[in-house]
mmCIF file of all heavy atoms, coordinates in Angstrom:
data_MODEL
# 
_entry.id   MODEL 
# 
loop_
_atom_site.group_PDB 
_atom_site.id 
_atom_site.type_symbol 
_atom_site.label_atom_id 
_atom_site.label_alt_id 
_atom_site.label_comp_id 
_atom_site.label_asym_id 
_atom_site.label_entity_id 
_atom_site.label_seq_id 
_atom_site.pdbx_PDB_ins_code 
_atom_site.Cartn_x 
_atom_site.Cartn_y 
_atom_site.Cartn_z 
_atom_site.occupancy 
_atom_site.B_iso_or_equiv 
_atom_site.pdbx_formal_charge 
_atom_site.auth_seq_id 
_atom_site.auth_comp_id 
_atom_site.auth_asym_id 
_atom_site.auth_atom_id 
_atom_site.pdbx_PDB_model_num 
ATOM 1   N N   . THR A 1 1  ? 180.270 54.790 -112.543 1.00 0.00 ? 1  THR A N   1 
ATOM 2   C CA  . THR A 1 1  ? 179.381 53.649 -112.860 1.00 0.00 ? 1  THR A CA  1 
ATOM 3   C C   . THR A 1 1  ? 178.359 54.025 -113.933 1.00 0.00 ? 1  THR A C   1 
ATOM 4   O O   . THR A 1 1  ? 178.088 53.242 -114.846 1.00 0.00 ? 1  THR A O   1 
ATOM 5   C CB  . THR A 1 1  ? 178.668 53.186 -111.591 1.00 0.00 ? 1  THR A CB  1 
ATOM 6   O OG1 . THR A 1 1  ? 179.629 52.772 -110.609 1.00 0.00 ? 1  THR A OG1 1 
ATOM 7   C CG2 . THR A 1 1  ? 177.725 52.020 -111.875 1.00 0.00 ? 1  THR A CG2 1 
ATOM 8   N N   . ALA A 1 2  ? 177.812 55.228 -113.828 1.00 0.00 ? 2  ALA A N   1 
ATOM 9   C CA  . ALA A 1 2  ? 176.791 55.663 -114.755 1.00 0.00 ? 2  ALA A CA  1 
ATOM 10  C C   . ALA A 1 2  ? 177.332 56.043 -116.120 1.00 0.00 ? 2  ALA A C   1 
ATOM 11  O O   . ALA A 1 2  ? 176.647 55.891 -117.123 1.00 0.00 ? 2  ALA A O   1 
ATOM 12  C CB  . ALA A 1 2  ? 176.004 56.863 -114.167 1.00 0.00 ? 2  ALA A CB  1 
ATOM 13  N N   . ALA A 1 3  ? 178.552 56.537 -116.143 1.00 0.00 ? 3  ALA A N   1 
ATOM 14  C CA  . ALA A 1 3  ? 179.179 56.960 -117.404 1.00 0.00 ? 3  ALA A CA  1 
ATOM 15  C C   . ALA A 1 3  ? 180.612 56.431 -117.456 1.00 0.00 ? 3  ALA A C   1 
ATOM 16  O O   . ALA A 1 3  ? 181.586 57.196 -117.313 1.00 0.00 ? 3  ALA A O   1 
ATOM 17  C CB  . ALA A 1 3  ? 179.141 58.484 -117.547 1.00 0.00 ? 3  ALA A CB  1 
ATOM 18  N N   . PRO A 1 4  ? 180.783 55.134 -117.661 1.00 0.00 ? 4  PRO A N   1 
ATOM 19  C CA  . PRO A 1 4  ? 182.107 54.526 -117.536 1.00 0.00 ? 4  PRO A CA  1 
ATOM 20  C C   . PRO A 1 4  ? 183.126 55.002 -118.573 1.00 0.00 ? 4  PRO A C   1 
ATOM 21  O O   . PRO A 1 4  ? 184.326 54.906 -118.349 1.00 0.00 ? 4  PRO A O   1 
ATOM 22  C CB  . PRO A 1 4  ? 181.803 53.020 -117.692 1.00 0.00 ? 4  PRO A CB  1 
ATOM 23  C CG  . PRO A 1 4  ? 180.503 52.954 -118.435 1.00 0.00 ? 4  PRO A CG  1 
ATOM 24  C CD  . PRO A 1 4  ? 179.744 54.152 -117.979 1.00 0.00 ? 4  PRO A CD  1 
ATOM 25  N N   . SER A 1 5  ? 182.683 55.510 -119.708 1.00 0.00 ? 5  SER A N   1 
ATOM 26  C CA  . SER A 1 5  ? 183.620 55.946 -120.756 1.00 0.00 ? 5  SER A CA  1 
ATOM 27  C C   . SER A 1 5  ? 183.944 57.425 -120.671 1.00 0.00 ? 5  SER A C   1 
ATOM 28  O O   . SER A 1 5  ? 184.776 57.923 -121.470 1.00 0.00 ? 5  SER A O   1 
ATOM 29  C CB  . SER A 1 5  ? 183.056 55.630 -122.129 1.00 0.00 ? 5  SER A CB  1 
ATOM 30  O OG  . SER A 1 5  ? 181.828 56.308 -122.346 1.00 0.00 ? 5  SER A OG  1 
ATOM 31  N N   . ALA A 1 6  ? 183.340 58.137 -119.748 1.00 0.00 ? 6  ALA A N   1 
ATOM 32  C CA  . ALA A 1 6  ? 183.557 59.587 -119.627 1.00 0.00 ? 6  ALA A CA  1 
ATOM 33  C C   . ALA A 1 6  ? 184.810 59.911 -118.836 1.00 0.00 ? 6  ALA A C   1 
ATOM 34  O O   . ALA A 1 6  ? 185.095 59.247 -117.827 1.00 0.00 ? 6  ALA A O   1 
ATOM 35  C CB  . ALA A 1 6  ? 182.330 60.244 -119.024 1.00 0.00 ? 6  ALA A CB  1 
ATOM 36  N N   . LYS A 1 7  ? 185.506 60.951 -119.247 1.00 0.00 ? 7  LYS A N   1 
ATOM 37  C CA  . LYS A 1 7  ? 186.584 61.489 -118.470 1.00 0.00 ? 7  LYS A CA  1 
ATOM 38  C C   . LYS A 1 7  ? 185.956 62.441 -117.436 1.00 0.00 ? 7  LYS A C   1 
ATOM 39  O O   . LYS A 1 7  ? 185.093 63.226 -117.775 1.00 0.00 ? 7  LYS A O   1 
ATOM 40  C CB  . LYS A 1 7  ? 187.582 62.235 -119.330 1.00 0.00 ? 7  LYS A CB  1 
ATOM 41  C CG  . LYS A 1 7  ? 188.743 62.865 -118.540 1.00 0.00 ? 7  LYS A CG  1 
ATOM 42  C CD  . LYS A 1 7  ? 189.764 63.535 -119.458 1.00 0.00 ? 7  LYS A CD  1 
ATOM 43  C CE  . LYS A 1 7  ? 190.872 64.203 -118.651 1.00 0.00 ? 7  LYS A CE  1 
ATOM 44  N NZ  . LYS A 1 7  ? 191.598 63.245 -117.789 1.00 0.00 ? 7  LYS A NZ  1 
ATOM 45  N N   . ILE A 1 8  ? 186.424 62.384 -116.183 1.00 0.00 ? 8  ILE A N   1 
ATOM 46  C CA  . ILE A 1 8  ? 185.818 63.172 -115.119 1.00 0.00 ? 8  ILE A CA  1 
ATOM 47  C C   . ILE A 1 8  ? 186.865 64.143 -114.588 1.00 0.00 ? 8  ILE A C   1 
ATOM 48  O O   . ILE A 1 8  ? 188.013 63.749 -114.246 1.00 0.00 ? 8  ILE A O   1 
ATOM 49  C CB  . ILE A 1 8  ? 185.310 62.265 -113.975 1.00 0.00 ? 8  ILE A CB  1 
ATOM 50  C CG1 . ILE A 1 8  ? 184.300 61.247 -114.524 1.00 0.00 ? 8  ILE A CG1 1 
ATOM 51  C CG2 . ILE A 1 8  ? 184.696 63.099 -112.877 1.00 0.00 ? 8  ILE A CG2 1 
ATOM 52  C CD1 . ILE A 1 8  ? 183.922 60.171 -113.527 1.00 0.00 ? 8  ILE A CD1 1 
ATOM 53  N N   . ILE A 1 9  ? 186.516 65.403 -114.523 1.00 0.00 ? 9  ILE A N   1 
ATOM 54  C CA  . ILE A 1 9  ? 187.388 66.435 -113.959 1.00 0.00 ? 9  ILE A CA  1 
ATOM 55  C C   . ILE A 1 9  ? 186.663 67.082 -112.795 1.00 0.00 ? 9  ILE A C   1 
ATOM 56  O O   . ILE A 1 9  ? 185.510 67.485 -112.904 1.00 0.00 ? 9  ILE A O   1 
ATOM 57  C CB  . ILE A 1 9  ? 187.723 67.497 -115.018 1.00 0.00 ? 9  ILE A CB  1 
ATOM 58  C CG1 . ILE A 1 9  ? 188.561 66.866 -116.152 1.00 0.00 ? 9  ILE A CG1 1 
ATOM 59  C CG2 . ILE A 1 9  ? 188.498 68.680 -114.406 1.00 0.00 ? 9  ILE A CG2 1 
ATOM 60  C CD1 . ILE A 1 9  ? 188.941 67.810 -117.242 1.00 0.00 ? 9  ILE A CD1 1 
ATOM 61  N N   . ILE A 1 10 ? 187.358 67.200 -111.692 1.00 0.00 ? 10 ILE A N   1 
ATOM 62  C CA  . ILE A 1 10 ? 186.775 67.783 -110.462 1.00 0.00 ? 10 ILE A CA  1 
ATOM 63  C C   . ILE A 1 10 ? 187.322 69.184 -110.283 1.00 0.00 ? 10 ILE A C   1 
ATOM 64  O O   . ILE A 1 10 ? 188.539 69.388 -110.259 1.00 0.00 ? 10 ILE A O   1 
ATOM 65  C CB  . ILE A 1 10 ? 187.124 66.921 -109.221 1.00 0.00 ? 10 ILE A CB  1 
ATOM 66  C CG1 . ILE A 1 10 ? 186.786 65.426 -109.502 1.00 0.00 ? 10 ILE A CG1 1 
ATOM 67  C CG2 . ILE A 1 10 ? 186.411 67.451 -108.002 1.00 0.00 ? 10 ILE A CG2 1 
ATOM 68  C CD1 . ILE A 1 10 ? 185.349 65.197 -109.861 1.00 0.00 ? 10 ILE A CD1 1 
ATOM 69  N N   . VAL A 1 11 ? 186.434 70.133 -110.140 1.00 0.00 ? 11 VAL A N   1 
ATOM 70  C CA  . VAL A 1 11 ? 186.789 71.514 -109.903 1.00 0.00 ? 11 VAL A CA  1 
ATOM 71  C C   . VAL A 1 11 ? 186.403 71.849 -108.455 1.00 0.00 ? 11 VAL A C   1 
ATOM 72  O O   . VAL A 1 11 ? 185.279 71.719 -108.055 1.00 0.00 ? 11 VAL A O   1 
ATOM 73  C CB  . VAL A 1 11 ? 186.097 72.481 -110.874 1.00 0.00 ? 11 VAL A CB  1 
ATOM 74  C CG1 . VAL A 1 11 ? 186.515 73.940 -110.613 1.00 0.00 ? 11 VAL A CG1 1 
ATOM 75  C CG2 . VAL A 1 11 ? 186.435 72.120 -112.314 1.00 0.00 ? 11 VAL A CG2 1 
ATOM 76  N N   . GLY A 1 12 ? 187.368 72.323 -107.675 1.00 0.00 ? 12 GLY A N   1 
ATOM 77  C CA  . GLY A 1 12 ? 187.137 72.576 -106.280 1.00 0.00 ? 12 GLY A CA  1 
ATOM 78  C C   . GLY A 1 12 ? 186.310 73.821 -106.040 1.00 0.00 ? 12 GLY A C   1 
ATOM 79  O O   . GLY A 1 12 ? 185.893 74.518 -106.966 1.00 0.00 ? 12 GLY A O   1 
ATOM 80  N N   . PRO A 1 13 ? 186.046 74.142 -104.770 1.00 0.00 ? 13 PRO A N   1 
ATOM 81  C CA  . PRO A 1 13 ? 185.199 75.283 -104.437 1.00 0.00 ? 13 PRO A CA  1 
ATOM 82  C C   . PRO A 1 13 ? 185.864 76.618 -104.792 1.00 0.00 ? 13 PRO A C   1 
ATOM 83  O O   . PRO A 1 13 ? 187.099 76.739 -104.750 1.00 0.00 ? 13 PRO A O   1 
ATOM 84  C CB  . PRO A 1 13 ? 185.003 75.156 -102.921 1.00 0.00 ? 13 PRO A CB  1 
ATOM 85  C CG  . PRO A 1 13 ? 186.170 74.375 -102.456 1.00 0.00 ? 13 PRO A CG  1 
ATOM 86  C CD  . PRO A 1 13 ? 186.530 73.425 -103.591 1.00 0.00 ? 13 PRO A CD  1 
ATOM 87  N N   . ALA A 1 14 ? 185.029 77.575 -105.139 1.00 0.00 ? 14 ALA A N   1 
ATOM 88  C CA  . ALA A 1 14 ? 185.510 78.926 -105.394 1.00 0.00 ? 14 ALA A CA  1 
ATOM 89  C C   . ALA A 1 14 ? 185.608 79.694 -104.090 1.00 0.00 ? 14 ALA A C   1 
ATOM 90  O O   . ALA A 1 14 ? 185.371 79.159 -102.997 1.00 0.00 ? 14 ALA A O   1 
ATOM 91  C CB  . ALA A 1 14 ? 184.559 79.632 -106.364 1.00 0.00 ? 14 ALA A CB  1 
ATOM 92  N N   . GLN A 1 15 ? 185.931 80.968 -104.196 1.00 0.00 ? 15 GLN A N   1 
ATOM 93  C CA  . GLN A 1 15 ? 186.098 81.808 -103.012 1.00 0.00 ? 15 GLN A CA  1 
ATOM 94  C C   . GLN A 1 15 ? 185.066 82.941 -103.045 1.00 0.00 ? 15 GLN A C   1 
ATOM 95  O O   . GLN A 1 15 ? 185.363 84.043 -103.532 1.00 0.00 ? 15 GLN A O   1 
ATOM 96  C CB  . GLN A 1 15 ? 187.505 82.383 -102.941 1.00 0.00 ? 15 GLN A CB  1 
ATOM 97  C CG  . GLN A 1 15 ? 187.801 83.252 -101.733 1.00 0.00 ? 15 GLN A CG  1 
ATOM 98  C CD  . GLN A 1 15 ? 187.828 82.447 -100.446 1.00 0.00 ? 15 GLN A CD  1 
ATOM 99  O OE1 . GLN A 1 15 ? 188.530 81.463 -100.348 1.00 0.00 ? 15 GLN A OE1 1 
ATOM 100 N NE2 . GLN A 1 15 ? 187.060 82.868 -99.476  1.00 0.00 ? 15 GLN A NE2 1 
ATOM 101 N N   . PRO A 1 16 ? 183.866 82.703 -102.574 1.00 0.00 ? 16 PRO A N   1 
ATOM 102 C CA  . PRO A 1 16 ? 182.842 83.774 -102.618 1.00 0.00 ? 16 PRO A CA  1 
ATOM 103 C C   . PRO A 1 16 ? 183.099 84.829 -101.562 1.00 0.00 ? 16 PRO A C   1 
ATOM 104 O O   . PRO A 1 16 ? 183.866 84.599 -100.589 1.00 0.00 ? 16 PRO A O   1 
ATOM 105 C CB  . PRO A 1 16 ? 181.548 83.015 -102.327 1.00 0.00 ? 16 PRO A CB  1 
ATOM 106 C CG  . PRO A 1 16 ? 181.979 81.865 -101.474 1.00 0.00 ? 16 PRO A CG  1 
ATOM 107 C CD  . PRO A 1 16 ? 183.321 81.482 -101.958 1.00 0.00 ? 16 PRO A CD  1 
ATOM 108 N N   . PRO A 1 17 ? 182.477 85.984 -101.695 1.00 0.00 ? 17 PRO A N   1 
ATOM 109 C CA  . PRO A 1 17 ? 182.685 87.035 -100.679 1.00 0.00 ? 17 PRO A CA  1 
ATOM 110 C C   . PRO A 1 17 ? 182.155 86.575 -99.310  1.00 0.00 ? 17 PRO A C   1 
ATOM 111 O O   . PRO A 1 17 ? 181.195 85.830 -99.184  1.00 0.00 ? 17 PRO A O   1 
ATOM 112 C CB  . PRO A 1 17 ? 181.833 88.205 -101.213 1.00 0.00 ? 17 PRO A CB  1 
ATOM 113 C CG  . PRO A 1 17 ? 181.648 87.896 -102.666 1.00 0.00 ? 17 PRO A CG  1 
ATOM 114 C CD  . PRO A 1 17 ? 181.633 86.421 -102.808 1.00 0.00 ? 17 PRO A CD  1 
ATOM 115 N N   . ARG A 1 18 ? 182.832 87.007 -98.285  1.00 0.00 ? 18 ARG A N   1 
ATOM 116 C CA  . ARG A 1 18 ? 182.441 86.795 -96.881  1.00 0.00 ? 18 ARG A CA  1 
ATOM 117 C C   . ARG A 1 18 ? 182.436 85.315 -96.478  1.00 0.00 ? 18 ARG A C   1 
ATOM 118 O O   . ARG A 1 18 ? 181.915 84.941 -95.466  1.00 0.00 ? 18 ARG A O   1 
ATOM 119 C CB  . ARG A 1 18 ? 181.055 87.399 -96.597  1.00 0.00 ? 18 ARG A CB  1 
ATOM 120 C CG  . ARG A 1 18 ? 181.046 88.924 -96.773  1.00 0.00 ? 18 ARG A CG  1 
ATOM 121 C CD  . ARG A 1 18 ? 179.675 89.478 -96.448  1.00 0.00 ? 18 ARG A CD  1 
ATOM 122 N NE  . ARG A 1 18 ? 178.646 88.982 -97.363  1.00 0.00 ? 18 ARG A NE  1 
ATOM 123 C CZ  . ARG A 1 18 ? 178.429 89.485 -98.559  1.00 0.00 ? 18 ARG A CZ  1 
ATOM 124 N NH1 . ARG A 1 18 ? 179.163 90.491 -99.024  1.00 0.00 ? 18 ARG A NH1 1 
ATOM 125 N NH2 . ARG A 1 18 ? 177.483 89.004 -99.324  1.00 0.00 ? 18 ARG A NH2 1 
ATOM 126 N N   . ALA A 1 19 ? 183.042 84.459 -97.291  1.00 0.00 ? 19 ALA A N   1 
ATOM 127 C CA  . ALA A 1 19 ? 183.137 83.043 -96.926  1.00 0.00 ? 19 ALA A CA  1 
ATOM 128 C C   . ALA A 1 19 ? 184.373 82.835 -96.046  1.00 0.00 ? 19 ALA A C   1 
ATOM 129 O O   . ALA A 1 19 ? 185.371 83.555 -96.176  1.00 0.00 ? 19 ALA A O   1 
ATOM 130 C CB  . ALA A 1 19 ? 183.202 82.184 -98.174  1.00 0.00 ? 19 ALA A CB  1 
ATOM 131 N N   . SER A 1 20 ? 184.294 81.855 -95.183  1.00 0.00 ? 20 SER A N   1 
ATOM 132 C CA  . SER A 1 20 ? 185.411 81.528 -94.316  1.00 0.00 ? 20 SER A CA  1 
ATOM 133 C C   . SER A 1 20 ? 186.527 80.855 -95.115  1.00 0.00 ? 20 SER A C   1 
ATOM 134 O O   . SER A 1 20 ? 186.310 79.746 -95.641  1.00 0.00 ? 20 SER A O   1 
ATOM 135 C CB  . SER A 1 20 ? 184.958 80.635 -93.171  1.00 0.00 ? 20 SER A CB  1 
ATOM 136 O OG  . SER A 1 20 ? 186.072 80.110 -92.473  1.00 0.00 ? 20 SER A OG  1 
ATOM 137 N N   . GLU A 1 21 ? 187.650 81.476 -95.194  1.00 0.00 ? 21 GLU A N   1 
ATOM 138 C CA  . GLU A 1 21 ? 188.779 80.895 -95.943  1.00 0.00 ? 21 GLU A CA  1 
ATOM 139 C C   . GLU A 1 21 ? 189.254 79.580 -95.286  1.00 0.00 ? 21 GLU A C   1 
ATOM 140 O O   . GLU A 1 21 ? 189.639 78.652 -95.961  1.00 0.00 ? 21 GLU A O   1 
ATOM 141 C CB  . GLU A 1 21 ? 189.932 81.893 -96.040  1.00 0.00 ? 21 GLU A CB  1 
ATOM 142 C CG  . GLU A 1 21 ? 189.586 83.088 -96.909  1.00 0.00 ? 21 GLU A CG  1 
ATOM 143 C CD  . GLU A 1 21 ? 190.821 83.963 -97.112  1.00 0.00 ? 21 GLU A CD  1 
ATOM 144 O OE1 . GLU A 1 21 ? 191.963 83.512 -96.805  1.00 0.00 ? 21 GLU A OE1 1 
ATOM 145 O OE2 . GLU A 1 21 ? 190.657 85.130 -97.557  1.00 0.00 ? 21 GLU A OE2 1 
ATOM 146 N N   . ALA A 1 22 ? 189.226 79.563 -93.947  1.00 0.00 ? 22 ALA A N   1 
ATOM 147 C CA  . ALA A 1 22 ? 189.647 78.344 -93.244  1.00 0.00 ? 22 ALA A CA  1 
ATOM 148 C C   . ALA A 1 22 ? 188.733 77.161 -93.568  1.00 0.00 ? 22 ALA A C   1 
ATOM 149 O O   . ALA A 1 22 ? 189.200 76.043 -93.826  1.00 0.00 ? 22 ALA A O   1 
ATOM 150 C CB  . ALA A 1 22 ? 189.711 78.610 -91.754  1.00 0.00 ? 22 ALA A CB  1 
ATOM 151 N N   . ASP A 1 23 ? 187.438 77.416 -93.562  1.00 0.00 ? 23 ASP A N   1 
ATOM 152 C CA  . ASP A 1 23 ? 186.459 76.351 -93.871  1.00 0.00 ? 23 ASP A CA  1 
ATOM 153 C C   . ASP A 1 23 ? 186.649 75.880 -95.328  1.00 0.00 ? 23 ASP A C   1 
ATOM 154 O O   . ASP A 1 23 ? 186.619 74.677 -95.596  1.00 0.00 ? 23 ASP A O   1 
ATOM 155 C CB  . ASP A 1 23 ? 185.046 76.859 -93.680  1.00 0.00 ? 23 ASP A CB  1 
ATOM 156 C CG  . ASP A 1 23 ? 184.677 76.951 -92.198  1.00 0.00 ? 23 ASP A CG  1 
ATOM 157 O OD1 . ASP A 1 23 ? 185.479 76.493 -91.363  1.00 0.00 ? 23 ASP A OD1 1 
ATOM 158 O OD2 . ASP A 1 23 ? 183.589 77.494 -91.899  1.00 0.00 ? 23 ASP A OD2 1 
ATOM 159 N N   . LEU A 1 24 ? 186.840 76.819 -96.258  1.00 0.00 ? 24 LEU A N   1 
ATOM 160 C CA  . LEU A 1 24 ? 186.981 76.430 -97.645  1.00 0.00 ? 24 LEU A CA  1 
ATOM 161 C C   . LEU A 1 24 ? 188.273 75.655 -97.856  1.00 0.00 ? 24 LEU A C   1 
ATOM 162 O O   . LEU A 1 24 ? 188.294 74.729 -98.687  1.00 0.00 ? 24 LEU A O   1 
ATOM 163 C CB  . LEU A 1 24 ? 186.981 77.674 -98.539  1.00 0.00 ? 24 LEU A CB  1 
ATOM 164 C CG  . LEU A 1 24 ? 185.627 78.308 -98.775  1.00 0.00 ? 24 LEU A CG  1 
ATOM 165 C CD1 . LEU A 1 24 ? 185.746 79.581 -99.600  1.00 0.00 ? 24 LEU A CD1 1 
ATOM 166 C CD2 . LEU A 1 24 ? 184.679 77.327 -99.467  1.00 0.00 ? 24 LEU A CD2 1 
# 
């Protein structure tokens, strides 16, 4: 709505140290 002419790309979460892989 705020930027109707913009192309939008979604980048998912990274894998930081000690993070739960199941949660991510």
